[in-house]
Each structure stands twice: as C-alpha cells, then as structure tokens.
Full PDB file with SEQRES, HELIX, SHEET, SSBOND, CRYST1, ORIGX, SCALE, CONECT and MASTER records, all heavy atoms in Angstrom:
SEQRES   1 A   46  THR PRO ALA ILE ARG PRO ARG ILE VAL ILE ASN PHE VAL          
SEQRES   2 A   46  PRO GLY SER PRO CYS THR PHE PRO PRO ALA ALA GLY THR          
SEQRES   3 A   46  SER THR ALA SER PRO SER SER GLY LEU CYS VAL GLY GLN          
SEQRES   4 A   46  SER ILE THR LEU ASP LEU SER                                  
SHEET    1 AA1 2 SER A  27  SER A  30  0                                        
SHEET    2 AA1 2 THR A  42  LEU A  45 -1                                        
CRYST1    1.000    1.000    1.000  90.00  90.00  90.00 P 1           1          
ORIGX1      1.000000  0.000000  0.000000        0.00000                         
ORIGX2      0.000000  1.000000  0.000000        0.00000                         
ORIGX3      0.000000  0.000000  1.000000        0.00000                         
SCALE1      1.000000  0.000000  0.000000        0.00000                         
SCALE2      0.000000  1.000000  0.000000        0.00000                         
SCALE3      0.000000  0.000000  1.000000        0.00000                         
ATOM      1  N   THR A   1      28.591  78.111 213.167  1.00  0.00           N  
ATOM      2  CA  THR A   1      27.603  77.355 212.511  1.00  0.00           C  
ATOM      3  C   THR A   1      26.977  76.316 213.389  1.00  0.00           C  
ATOM      4  O   THR A   1      27.650  75.492 214.059  1.00  0.00           O  
ATOM      5  CB  THR A   1      28.030  76.671 211.313  1.00  0.00           C  
ATOM      6  OG1 THR A   1      28.645  77.707 210.486  1.00  0.00           O  
ATOM      7  CG2 THR A   1      26.909  76.040 210.477  1.00  0.00           C  
ATOM      8  N   PRO A   2      25.570  76.401 213.703  1.00  0.00           N  
ATOM      9  CA  PRO A   2      25.031  75.322 214.568  1.00  0.00           C  
ATOM     10  C   PRO A   2      25.207  73.892 214.140  1.00  0.00           C  
ATOM     11  O   PRO A   2      25.185  72.933 214.920  1.00  0.00           O  
ATOM     12  CB  PRO A   2      23.523  75.727 214.545  1.00  0.00           C  
ATOM     13  CG  PRO A   2      23.551  77.172 214.181  1.00  0.00           C  
ATOM     14  CD  PRO A   2      24.664  77.418 213.245  1.00  0.00           C  
ATOM     15  N   ALA A   3      25.431  73.669 212.816  1.00  0.00           N  
ATOM     16  CA  ALA A   3      25.716  72.384 212.332  1.00  0.00           C  
ATOM     17  C   ALA A   3      27.113  71.860 212.432  1.00  0.00           C  
ATOM     18  O   ALA A   3      27.520  70.861 211.975  1.00  0.00           O  
ATOM     19  CB  ALA A   3      25.341  72.258 210.818  1.00  0.00           C  
ATOM     20  N   ILE A   4      27.966  72.677 213.164  1.00  0.00           N  
ATOM     21  CA  ILE A   4      29.421  72.330 213.589  1.00  0.00           C  
ATOM     22  C   ILE A   4      29.365  72.105 215.019  1.00  0.00           C  
ATOM     23  O   ILE A   4      28.954  72.911 215.856  1.00  0.00           O  
ATOM     24  CB  ILE A   4      30.334  73.351 213.002  1.00  0.00           C  
ATOM     25  CG1 ILE A   4      30.267  73.488 211.572  1.00  0.00           C  
ATOM     26  CG2 ILE A   4      31.761  73.009 213.450  1.00  0.00           C  
ATOM     27  CD1 ILE A   4      31.121  74.487 210.927  1.00  0.00           C  
ATOM     28  N   ARG A   5      30.154  71.067 215.424  1.00  0.00           N  
ATOM     29  CA  ARG A   5      30.153  70.691 216.898  1.00  0.00           C  
ATOM     30  C   ARG A   5      31.521  70.152 217.192  1.00  0.00           C  
ATOM     31  O   ARG A   5      32.035  69.308 216.352  1.00  0.00           O  
ATOM     32  CB  ARG A   5      29.044  69.715 217.174  1.00  0.00           C  
ATOM     33  CG  ARG A   5      28.888  69.401 218.682  1.00  0.00           C  
ATOM     34  CD  ARG A   5      28.053  68.160 218.764  1.00  0.00           C  
ATOM     35  NE  ARG A   5      28.710  67.036 218.113  1.00  0.00           N  
ATOM     36  CZ  ARG A   5      28.127  65.879 217.867  1.00  0.00           C  
ATOM     37  NH1 ARG A   5      26.795  65.733 218.076  1.00  0.00           N  
ATOM     38  NH2 ARG A   5      28.747  64.888 217.251  1.00  0.00           N  
ATOM     39  N   PRO A   6      32.217  70.466 218.340  1.00  0.00           N  
ATOM     40  CA  PRO A   6      33.476  69.927 218.655  1.00  0.00           C  
ATOM     41  C   PRO A   6      33.360  68.336 218.845  1.00  0.00           C  
ATOM     42  O   PRO A   6      32.379  67.898 219.300  1.00  0.00           O  
ATOM     43  CB  PRO A   6      33.797  70.581 219.968  1.00  0.00           C  
ATOM     44  CG  PRO A   6      32.987  71.824 220.022  1.00  0.00           C  
ATOM     45  CD  PRO A   6      31.741  71.448 219.360  1.00  0.00           C  
ATOM     46  N   ARG A   7      34.494  67.615 218.502  1.00  0.00           N  
ATOM     47  CA  ARG A   7      34.590  66.277 218.821  1.00  0.00           C  
ATOM     48  C   ARG A   7      34.863  66.112 220.349  1.00  0.00           C  
ATOM     49  O   ARG A   7      35.741  66.791 220.818  1.00  0.00           O  
ATOM     50  CB  ARG A   7      35.739  65.714 218.055  1.00  0.00           C  
ATOM     51  CG  ARG A   7      35.593  65.620 216.556  1.00  0.00           C  
ATOM     52  CD  ARG A   7      36.702  64.898 215.976  1.00  0.00           C  
ATOM     53  NE  ARG A   7      36.627  63.367 215.968  1.00  0.00           N  
ATOM     54  CZ  ARG A   7      37.551  62.590 215.872  1.00  0.00           C  
ATOM     55  NH1 ARG A   7      38.776  62.973 215.777  1.00  0.00           N  
ATOM     56  NH2 ARG A   7      37.302  61.211 215.987  1.00  0.00           N  
ATOM     57  N   ILE A   8      34.166  65.247 220.933  1.00  0.00           N  
ATOM     58  CA  ILE A   8      34.243  65.205 222.486  1.00  0.00           C  
ATOM     59  C   ILE A   8      34.834  63.906 222.850  1.00  0.00           C  
ATOM     60  O   ILE A   8      34.666  62.848 222.247  1.00  0.00           O  
ATOM     61  CB  ILE A   8      32.878  65.290 223.126  1.00  0.00           C  
ATOM     62  CG1 ILE A   8      33.110  65.489 224.576  1.00  0.00           C  
ATOM     63  CG2 ILE A   8      32.001  64.093 222.744  1.00  0.00           C  
ATOM     64  CD1 ILE A   8      31.663  65.844 225.227  1.00  0.00           C  
ATOM     65  N   VAL A   9      35.765  63.871 223.939  1.00  0.00           N  
ATOM     66  CA  VAL A   9      36.367  62.752 224.524  1.00  0.00           C  
ATOM     67  C   VAL A   9      35.605  62.369 225.762  1.00  0.00           C  
ATOM     68  O   VAL A   9      35.462  63.357 226.653  1.00  0.00           O  
ATOM     69  CB  VAL A   9      37.812  62.965 224.755  1.00  0.00           C  
ATOM     70  CG1 VAL A   9      38.442  61.567 225.404  1.00  0.00           C  
ATOM     71  CG2 VAL A   9      38.566  63.392 223.447  1.00  0.00           C  
ATOM     72  N   ILE A  10      35.142  61.162 225.881  1.00  0.00           N  
ATOM     73  CA  ILE A  10      34.385  60.750 227.168  1.00  0.00           C  
ATOM     74  C   ILE A  10      34.973  59.444 227.727  1.00  0.00           C  
ATOM     75  O   ILE A  10      35.117  58.566 227.051  1.00  0.00           O  
ATOM     76  CB  ILE A  10      32.947  60.499 226.841  1.00  0.00           C  
ATOM     77  CG1 ILE A  10      32.252  61.678 226.246  1.00  0.00           C  
ATOM     78  CG2 ILE A  10      32.196  60.142 228.020  1.00  0.00           C  
ATOM     79  CD1 ILE A  10      30.741  61.484 225.855  1.00  0.00           C  
ATOM     80  N   ASN A  11      35.402  59.599 228.948  1.00  0.00           N  
ATOM     81  CA  ASN A  11      35.836  58.346 229.755  1.00  0.00           C  
ATOM     82  C   ASN A  11      34.529  57.936 230.632  1.00  0.00           C  
ATOM     83  O   ASN A  11      34.042  58.741 231.405  1.00  0.00           O  
ATOM     84  CB  ASN A  11      37.078  58.643 230.588  1.00  0.00           C  
ATOM     85  CG  ASN A  11      37.463  57.480 231.470  1.00  0.00           C  
ATOM     86  OD1 ASN A  11      36.854  57.288 232.600  1.00  0.00           O  
ATOM     87  ND2 ASN A  11      38.433  56.732 230.849  1.00  0.00           N  
ATOM     88  N   PHE A  12      34.213  56.741 230.480  1.00  0.00           N  
ATOM     89  CA  PHE A  12      32.983  56.263 231.237  1.00  0.00           C  
ATOM     90  C   PHE A  12      33.244  54.795 231.730  1.00  0.00           C  
ATOM     91  O   PHE A  12      34.203  54.010 231.227  1.00  0.00           O  
ATOM     92  CB  PHE A  12      31.870  56.339 230.342  1.00  0.00           C  
ATOM     93  CG  PHE A  12      31.807  55.303 229.228  1.00  0.00           C  
ATOM     94  CD1 PHE A  12      30.962  54.108 229.383  1.00  0.00           C  
ATOM     95  CD2 PHE A  12      32.545  55.525 228.072  1.00  0.00           C  
ATOM     96  CE1 PHE A  12      31.105  53.119 228.357  1.00  0.00           C  
ATOM     97  CE2 PHE A  12      32.527  54.589 227.086  1.00  0.00           C  
ATOM     98  CZ  PHE A  12      31.741  53.432 227.195  1.00  0.00           C  
ATOM     99  N   VAL A  13      32.470  54.541 232.715  1.00  0.00           N  
ATOM    100  CA  VAL A  13      32.327  53.092 233.239  1.00  0.00           C  
ATOM    101  C   VAL A  13      30.965  52.565 232.841  1.00  0.00           C  
ATOM    102  O   VAL A  13      29.795  53.187 233.173  1.00  0.00           O  
ATOM    103  CB  VAL A  13      32.580  53.031 234.773  1.00  0.00           C  
ATOM    104  CG1 VAL A  13      32.302  51.688 235.150  1.00  0.00           C  
ATOM    105  CG2 VAL A  13      33.972  53.553 235.119  1.00  0.00           C  
ATOM    106  N   PRO A  14      30.884  51.408 232.038  1.00  0.00           N  
ATOM    107  CA  PRO A  14      29.445  50.982 231.683  1.00  0.00           C  
ATOM    108  C   PRO A  14      28.640  50.681 232.983  1.00  0.00           C  
ATOM    109  O   PRO A  14      29.110  50.343 234.018  1.00  0.00           O  
ATOM    110  CB  PRO A  14      29.774  49.721 230.927  1.00  0.00           C  
ATOM    111  CG  PRO A  14      31.181  49.766 230.507  1.00  0.00           C  
ATOM    112  CD  PRO A  14      31.903  50.676 231.490  1.00  0.00           C  
ATOM    113  N   GLY A  15      27.386  50.944 232.673  1.00  0.00           N  
ATOM    114  CA  GLY A  15      26.433  50.708 233.843  1.00  0.00           C  
ATOM    115  C   GLY A  15      26.054  49.336 233.960  1.00  0.00           C  
ATOM    116  O   GLY A  15      26.368  48.402 233.198  1.00  0.00           O  
ATOM    117  N   SER A  16      25.261  48.994 235.047  1.00  0.00           N  
ATOM    118  CA  SER A  16      24.806  47.603 235.299  1.00  0.00           C  
ATOM    119  C   SER A  16      23.758  47.234 234.256  1.00  0.00           C  
ATOM    120  O   SER A  16      23.012  48.190 233.826  1.00  0.00           O  
ATOM    121  CB  SER A  16      24.281  47.500 236.791  1.00  0.00           C  
ATOM    122  OG  SER A  16      25.222  47.785 237.699  1.00  0.00           O  
ATOM    123  N   PRO A  17      23.596  45.914 233.945  1.00  0.00           N  
ATOM    124  CA  PRO A  17      22.464  45.588 233.064  1.00  0.00           C  
ATOM    125  C   PRO A  17      21.127  45.846 233.610  1.00  0.00           C  
ATOM    126  O   PRO A  17      20.956  46.126 234.884  1.00  0.00           O  
ATOM    127  CB  PRO A  17      22.594  44.075 232.966  1.00  0.00           C  
ATOM    128  CG  PRO A  17      24.079  43.799 233.350  1.00  0.00           C  
ATOM    129  CD  PRO A  17      24.412  44.893 234.350  1.00  0.00           C  
ATOM    130  N   CYS A  18      20.180  46.137 232.716  1.00  0.00           N  
ATOM    131  CA  CYS A  18      18.884  46.496 233.143  1.00  0.00           C  
ATOM    132  C   CYS A  18      18.287  45.412 233.927  1.00  0.00           C  
ATOM    133  O   CYS A  18      18.486  44.227 233.880  1.00  0.00           O  
ATOM    134  CB  CYS A  18      17.927  46.891 231.907  1.00  0.00           C  
ATOM    135  SG  CYS A  18      17.893  45.628 230.664  1.00  0.00           S  
ATOM    136  N   THR A  19      17.191  45.763 234.790  1.00  0.00           N  
ATOM    137  CA  THR A  19      16.481  44.802 235.647  1.00  0.00           C  
ATOM    138  C   THR A  19      15.540  43.976 234.679  1.00  0.00           C  
ATOM    139  O   THR A  19      14.881  44.549 233.883  1.00  0.00           O  
ATOM    140  CB  THR A  19      15.665  45.625 236.647  1.00  0.00           C  
ATOM    141  OG1 THR A  19      16.595  46.472 237.463  1.00  0.00           O  
ATOM    142  CG2 THR A  19      14.965  44.596 237.596  1.00  0.00           C  
ATOM    143  N   PHE A  20      15.578  42.697 235.002  1.00  0.00           N  
ATOM    144  CA  PHE A  20      14.851  41.800 234.188  1.00  0.00           C  
ATOM    145  C   PHE A  20      13.905  40.979 235.090  1.00  0.00           C  
ATOM    146  O   PHE A  20      14.385  40.265 235.998  1.00  0.00           O  
ATOM    147  CB  PHE A  20      15.747  40.792 233.381  1.00  0.00           C  
ATOM    148  CG  PHE A  20      15.141  39.831 232.485  1.00  0.00           C  
ATOM    149  CD1 PHE A  20      14.792  40.273 231.187  1.00  0.00           C  
ATOM    150  CD2 PHE A  20      14.761  38.577 232.886  1.00  0.00           C  
ATOM    151  CE1 PHE A  20      14.190  39.422 230.306  1.00  0.00           C  
ATOM    152  CE2 PHE A  20      14.200  37.661 231.956  1.00  0.00           C  
ATOM    153  CZ  PHE A  20      13.855  38.095 230.681  1.00  0.00           C  
ATOM    154  N   PRO A  21      12.651  41.161 235.033  1.00  0.00           N  
ATOM    155  CA  PRO A  21      11.910  42.027 234.102  1.00  0.00           C  
ATOM    156  C   PRO A  21      11.868  43.364 234.579  1.00  0.00           C  
ATOM    157  O   PRO A  21      12.078  43.635 235.773  1.00  0.00           O  
ATOM    158  CB  PRO A  21      10.434  41.400 234.130  1.00  0.00           C  
ATOM    159  CG  PRO A  21      10.287  40.791 235.521  1.00  0.00           C  
ATOM    160  CD  PRO A  21      11.695  40.300 235.856  1.00  0.00           C  
ATOM    161  N   PRO A  22      11.677  44.376 233.704  1.00  0.00           N  
ATOM    162  CA  PRO A  22      11.755  45.829 234.058  1.00  0.00           C  
ATOM    163  C   PRO A  22      10.424  46.237 234.836  1.00  0.00           C  
ATOM    164  O   PRO A  22       9.347  45.593 234.654  1.00  0.00           O  
ATOM    165  CB  PRO A  22      11.901  46.555 232.755  1.00  0.00           C  
ATOM    166  CG  PRO A  22      11.211  45.643 231.832  1.00  0.00           C  
ATOM    167  CD  PRO A  22      11.528  44.113 232.249  1.00  0.00           C  
ATOM    168  N   ALA A  23      10.454  47.416 235.484  1.00  0.00           N  
ATOM    169  CA  ALA A  23       9.360  48.069 236.109  1.00  0.00           C  
ATOM    170  C   ALA A  23       9.289  49.459 235.444  1.00  0.00           C  
ATOM    171  O   ALA A  23      10.185  50.253 235.530  1.00  0.00           O  
ATOM    172  CB  ALA A  23       9.513  48.084 237.515  1.00  0.00           C  
ATOM    173  N   ALA A  24       8.118  49.703 234.893  1.00  0.00           N  
ATOM    174  CA  ALA A  24       7.833  50.940 234.145  1.00  0.00           C  
ATOM    175  C   ALA A  24       7.538  52.155 234.927  1.00  0.00           C  
ATOM    176  O   ALA A  24       7.758  53.333 234.528  1.00  0.00           O  
ATOM    177  CB  ALA A  24       6.787  50.786 233.039  1.00  0.00           C  
ATOM    178  N   GLY A  25       6.973  52.006 236.124  1.00  0.00           N  
ATOM    179  CA  GLY A  25       6.678  53.185 236.955  1.00  0.00           C  
ATOM    180  C   GLY A  25       5.495  53.918 236.448  1.00  0.00           C  
ATOM    181  O   GLY A  25       4.609  53.423 235.949  1.00  0.00           O  
ATOM    182  N   THR A  26       5.491  55.263 236.619  1.00  0.00           N  
ATOM    183  CA  THR A  26       4.404  56.178 236.295  1.00  0.00           C  
ATOM    184  C   THR A  26       4.793  57.188 235.286  1.00  0.00           C  
ATOM    185  O   THR A  26       5.868  57.795 235.378  1.00  0.00           O  
ATOM    186  CB  THR A  26       3.965  56.864 237.432  1.00  0.00           C  
ATOM    187  OG1 THR A  26       3.545  55.892 238.464  1.00  0.00           O  
ATOM    188  CG2 THR A  26       2.741  57.788 237.249  1.00  0.00           C  
ATOM    189  N   SER A  27       3.976  57.429 234.234  1.00  0.00           N  
ATOM    190  CA  SER A  27       4.374  58.458 233.276  1.00  0.00           C  
ATOM    191  C   SER A  27       4.007  59.885 233.835  1.00  0.00           C  
ATOM    192  O   SER A  27       3.234  60.099 234.658  1.00  0.00           O  
ATOM    193  CB  SER A  27       3.307  58.300 232.079  1.00  0.00           C  
ATOM    194  OG  SER A  27       3.353  56.971 231.604  1.00  0.00           O  
ATOM    195  N   THR A  28       4.885  60.725 233.392  1.00  0.00           N  
ATOM    196  CA  THR A  28       4.812  62.207 233.743  1.00  0.00           C  
ATOM    197  C   THR A  28       4.856  63.017 232.405  1.00  0.00           C  
ATOM    198  O   THR A  28       5.386  62.697 231.515  1.00  0.00           O  
ATOM    199  CB  THR A  28       5.935  62.686 234.708  1.00  0.00           C  
ATOM    200  OG1 THR A  28       7.124  62.573 234.050  1.00  0.00           O  
ATOM    201  CG2 THR A  28       5.896  61.794 236.034  1.00  0.00           C  
ATOM    202  N   ALA A  29       4.110  64.283 232.553  1.00  0.00           N  
ATOM    203  CA  ALA A  29       4.068  65.110 231.403  1.00  0.00           C  
ATOM    204  C   ALA A  29       4.232  66.438 231.942  1.00  0.00           C  
ATOM    205  O   ALA A  29       3.676  66.916 232.978  1.00  0.00           O  
ATOM    206  CB  ALA A  29       2.850  64.985 230.602  1.00  0.00           C  
ATOM    207  N   SER A  30       5.044  67.438 231.172  1.00  0.00           N  
ATOM    208  CA  SER A  30       5.148  68.802 231.640  1.00  0.00           C  
ATOM    209  C   SER A  30       5.303  69.736 230.278  1.00  0.00           C  
ATOM    210  O   SER A  30       6.177  69.382 229.558  1.00  0.00           O  
ATOM    211  CB  SER A  30       6.436  68.922 232.509  1.00  0.00           C  
ATOM    212  OG  SER A  30       6.630  70.393 232.785  1.00  0.00           O  
ATOM    213  N   PRO A  31       4.322  70.548 230.173  1.00  0.00           N  
ATOM    214  CA  PRO A  31       3.089  70.681 230.956  1.00  0.00           C  
ATOM    215  C   PRO A  31       2.107  69.591 230.638  1.00  0.00           C  
ATOM    216  O   PRO A  31       2.235  68.935 229.586  1.00  0.00           O  
ATOM    217  CB  PRO A  31       2.636  72.210 230.610  1.00  0.00           C  
ATOM    218  CG  PRO A  31       3.089  72.247 229.189  1.00  0.00           C  
ATOM    219  CD  PRO A  31       4.359  71.592 229.082  1.00  0.00           C  
ATOM    220  N   SER A  32       1.115  69.441 231.445  1.00  0.00           N  
ATOM    221  CA  SER A  32      -0.021  68.454 231.156  1.00  0.00           C  
ATOM    222  C   SER A  32      -1.389  69.024 230.917  1.00  0.00           C  
ATOM    223  O   SER A  32      -2.333  68.310 230.654  1.00  0.00           O  
ATOM    224  CB  SER A  32      -0.069  67.530 232.417  1.00  0.00           C  
ATOM    225  OG  SER A  32      -0.485  68.259 233.584  1.00  0.00           O  
ATOM    226  N   SER A  33      -1.588  70.271 230.992  1.00  0.00           N  
ATOM    227  CA  SER A  33      -2.788  70.952 230.691  1.00  0.00           C  
ATOM    228  C   SER A  33      -2.640  72.350 230.181  1.00  0.00           C  
ATOM    229  O   SER A  33      -1.485  72.941 230.335  1.00  0.00           O  
ATOM    230  CB  SER A  33      -3.699  70.966 231.954  1.00  0.00           C  
ATOM    231  OG  SER A  33      -3.067  71.750 232.849  1.00  0.00           O  
ATOM    232  N   GLY A  34      -3.639  72.949 229.654  1.00  0.00           N  
ATOM    233  CA  GLY A  34      -3.555  74.261 229.096  1.00  0.00           C  
ATOM    234  C   GLY A  34      -2.668  74.434 227.843  1.00  0.00           C  
ATOM    235  O   GLY A  34      -2.293  75.519 227.513  1.00  0.00           O  
ATOM    236  N   LEU A  35      -2.528  73.305 227.027  1.00  0.00           N  
ATOM    237  CA  LEU A  35      -1.722  73.415 225.927  1.00  0.00           C  
ATOM    238  C   LEU A  35      -2.456  73.840 224.587  1.00  0.00           C  
ATOM    239  O   LEU A  35      -3.573  73.494 224.694  1.00  0.00           O  
ATOM    240  CB  LEU A  35      -0.878  72.059 225.662  1.00  0.00           C  
ATOM    241  CG  LEU A  35       0.207  71.738 226.703  1.00  0.00           C  
ATOM    242  CD1 LEU A  35      -0.474  70.733 227.681  1.00  0.00           C  
ATOM    243  CD2 LEU A  35       1.294  70.972 225.974  1.00  0.00           C  
ATOM    244  N   CYS A  36      -1.785  74.266 223.666  1.00  0.00           N  
ATOM    245  CA  CYS A  36      -2.231  74.447 222.317  1.00  0.00           C  
ATOM    246  C   CYS A  36      -1.680  73.258 221.401  1.00  0.00           C  
ATOM    247  O   CYS A  36      -0.682  72.826 221.760  1.00  0.00           O  
ATOM    248  CB  CYS A  36      -1.896  75.816 221.799  1.00  0.00           C  
ATOM    249  SG  CYS A  36      -2.476  77.207 222.748  1.00  0.00           S  
ATOM    250  N   VAL A  37      -2.391  73.057 220.315  1.00  0.00           N  
ATOM    251  CA  VAL A  37      -1.944  72.112 219.334  1.00  0.00           C  
ATOM    252  C   VAL A  37      -0.489  72.620 218.821  1.00  0.00           C  
ATOM    253  O   VAL A  37      -0.354  73.780 218.488  1.00  0.00           O  
ATOM    254  CB  VAL A  37      -2.876  71.932 218.239  1.00  0.00           C  
ATOM    255  CG1 VAL A  37      -2.194  71.111 217.092  1.00  0.00           C  
ATOM    256  CG2 VAL A  37      -4.153  71.244 218.659  1.00  0.00           C  
ATOM    257  N   GLY A  38       0.428  71.615 218.819  1.00  0.00           N  
ATOM    258  CA  GLY A  38       1.791  71.945 218.306  1.00  0.00           C  
ATOM    259  C   GLY A  38       2.776  72.392 219.485  1.00  0.00           C  
ATOM    260  O   GLY A  38       3.928  72.400 219.274  1.00  0.00           O  
ATOM    261  N   GLN A  39       2.218  72.737 220.656  1.00  0.00           N  
ATOM    262  CA  GLN A  39       3.143  73.103 221.725  1.00  0.00           C  
ATOM    263  C   GLN A  39       3.898  71.834 222.269  1.00  0.00           C  
ATOM    264  O   GLN A  39       3.298  70.821 222.352  1.00  0.00           O  
ATOM    265  CB  GLN A  39       2.301  73.687 222.874  1.00  0.00           C  
ATOM    266  CG  GLN A  39       3.069  74.187 224.030  1.00  0.00           C  
ATOM    267  CD  GLN A  39       2.308  74.922 225.155  1.00  0.00           C  
ATOM    268  OE1 GLN A  39       1.085  75.258 224.764  1.00  0.00           O  
ATOM    269  NE2 GLN A  39       2.857  74.982 226.304  1.00  0.00           N  
ATOM    270  N   SER A  40       5.059  72.063 222.566  1.00  0.00           N  
ATOM    271  CA  SER A  40       6.034  70.782 223.034  1.00  0.00           C  
ATOM    272  C   SER A  40       5.543  70.477 224.447  1.00  0.00           C  
ATOM    273  O   SER A  40       5.421  71.270 225.423  1.00  0.00           O  
ATOM    274  CB  SER A  40       7.476  71.324 223.011  1.00  0.00           C  
ATOM    275  OG  SER A  40       7.915  71.485 221.617  1.00  0.00           O  
ATOM    276  N   ILE A  41       5.604  69.134 224.607  1.00  0.00           N  
ATOM    277  CA  ILE A  41       5.561  68.554 225.971  1.00  0.00           C  
ATOM    278  C   ILE A  41       6.647  67.692 226.139  1.00  0.00           C  
ATOM    279  O   ILE A  41       7.205  66.981 225.312  1.00  0.00           O  
ATOM    280  CB  ILE A  41       4.116  67.739 226.186  1.00  0.00           C  
ATOM    281  CG1 ILE A  41       4.041  66.649 225.049  1.00  0.00           C  
ATOM    282  CG2 ILE A  41       2.940  68.742 226.069  1.00  0.00           C  
ATOM    283  CD1 ILE A  41       2.839  65.859 225.172  1.00  0.00           C  
ATOM    284  N   THR A  42       7.230  67.526 227.494  1.00  0.00           N  
ATOM    285  CA  THR A  42       8.164  66.731 227.841  1.00  0.00           C  
ATOM    286  C   THR A  42       7.554  65.456 228.625  1.00  0.00           C  
ATOM    287  O   THR A  42       6.966  65.713 229.721  1.00  0.00           O  
ATOM    288  CB  THR A  42       9.157  67.386 228.755  1.00  0.00           C  
ATOM    289  OG1 THR A  42       9.740  68.523 228.089  1.00  0.00           O  
ATOM    290  CG2 THR A  42      10.308  66.450 229.307  1.00  0.00           C  
ATOM    291  N   LEU A  43       7.702  64.368 228.033  1.00  0.00           N  
ATOM    292  CA  LEU A  43       7.266  63.031 228.675  1.00  0.00           C  
ATOM    293  C   LEU A  43       8.423  62.420 229.372  1.00  0.00           C  
ATOM    294  O   LEU A  43       9.487  62.292 228.863  1.00  0.00           O  
ATOM    295  CB  LEU A  43       6.741  62.050 227.629  1.00  0.00           C  
ATOM    296  CG  LEU A  43       5.381  62.694 226.753  1.00  0.00           C  
ATOM    297  CD1 LEU A  43       5.122  61.636 225.781  1.00  0.00           C  
ATOM    298  CD2 LEU A  43       4.279  62.921 227.691  1.00  0.00           C  
ATOM    299  N   ASP A  44       8.185  61.841 230.578  1.00  0.00           N  
ATOM    300  CA  ASP A  44       9.227  61.144 231.431  1.00  0.00           C  
ATOM    301  C   ASP A  44       8.562  60.198 232.273  1.00  0.00           C  
ATOM    302  O   ASP A  44       7.294  59.977 232.261  1.00  0.00           O  
ATOM    303  CB  ASP A  44       9.991  62.215 232.177  1.00  0.00           C  
ATOM    304  CG  ASP A  44      11.351  61.816 232.604  1.00  0.00           C  
ATOM    305  OD1 ASP A  44      11.665  60.600 232.379  1.00  0.00           O  
ATOM    306  OD2 ASP A  44      12.200  62.648 232.867  1.00  0.00           O  
ATOM    307  N   LEU A  45       9.333  59.372 233.035  1.00  0.00           N  
ATOM    308  CA  LEU A  45       8.896  58.476 233.977  1.00  0.00           C  
ATOM    309  C   LEU A  45       9.372  58.810 235.289  1.00  0.00           C  
ATOM    310  O   LEU A  45      10.449  59.303 235.429  1.00  0.00           O  
ATOM    311  CB  LEU A  45       9.358  56.985 233.516  1.00  0.00           C  
ATOM    312  CG  LEU A  45       8.876  56.535 232.188  1.00  0.00           C  
ATOM    313  CD1 LEU A  45       9.596  55.158 231.875  1.00  0.00           C  
ATOM    314  CD2 LEU A  45       7.378  56.386 232.216  1.00  0.00           C  
ATOM    315  N   SER A  46       8.669  58.317 236.360  1.00  0.00           N  
ATOM    316  CA  SER A  46       9.164  58.252 237.787  1.00  0.00           C  
ATOM    317  C   SER A  46       9.009  56.860 238.330  1.00  0.00           C  
ATOM    318  O   SER A  46       7.958  56.115 237.869  1.00  0.00           O  
ATOM    319  CB  SER A  46       8.420  59.262 238.509  1.00  0.00           C  
ATOM    320  OG  SER A  46       6.978  58.952 238.586  1.00  0.00           O  
TER     321      SER A  46                                                      
MASTER        0    0    0    0    2    0    0    6  320    1    0    4          
END                                                                             
C-alpha cells in the first residue's frame, strides 16, 4: 500500500547555522517554457 512506509533510522550531524544575512542567489525553473496550464514545474535556486 503506498500509504504504508517503513520506519527509518537516521544518524546525522547537525549542519552549521544559516548565513546571517542570507544570500538568495538566482531563481531557476525546469522547464521554463513550452508548458501547458497544470503542468508541473520544478523551482530551485543557484
């Protein structure tokens, strides 16, 4: 069943605090043209 998922164990080391003040960089989109209404786009930063 897709609504059932194994319990996962994760060992991790916390990351460093975020840069203050932050730098947002540049937005990216894939795809960025030739889309139809309702088609999924992936937004990200660089």
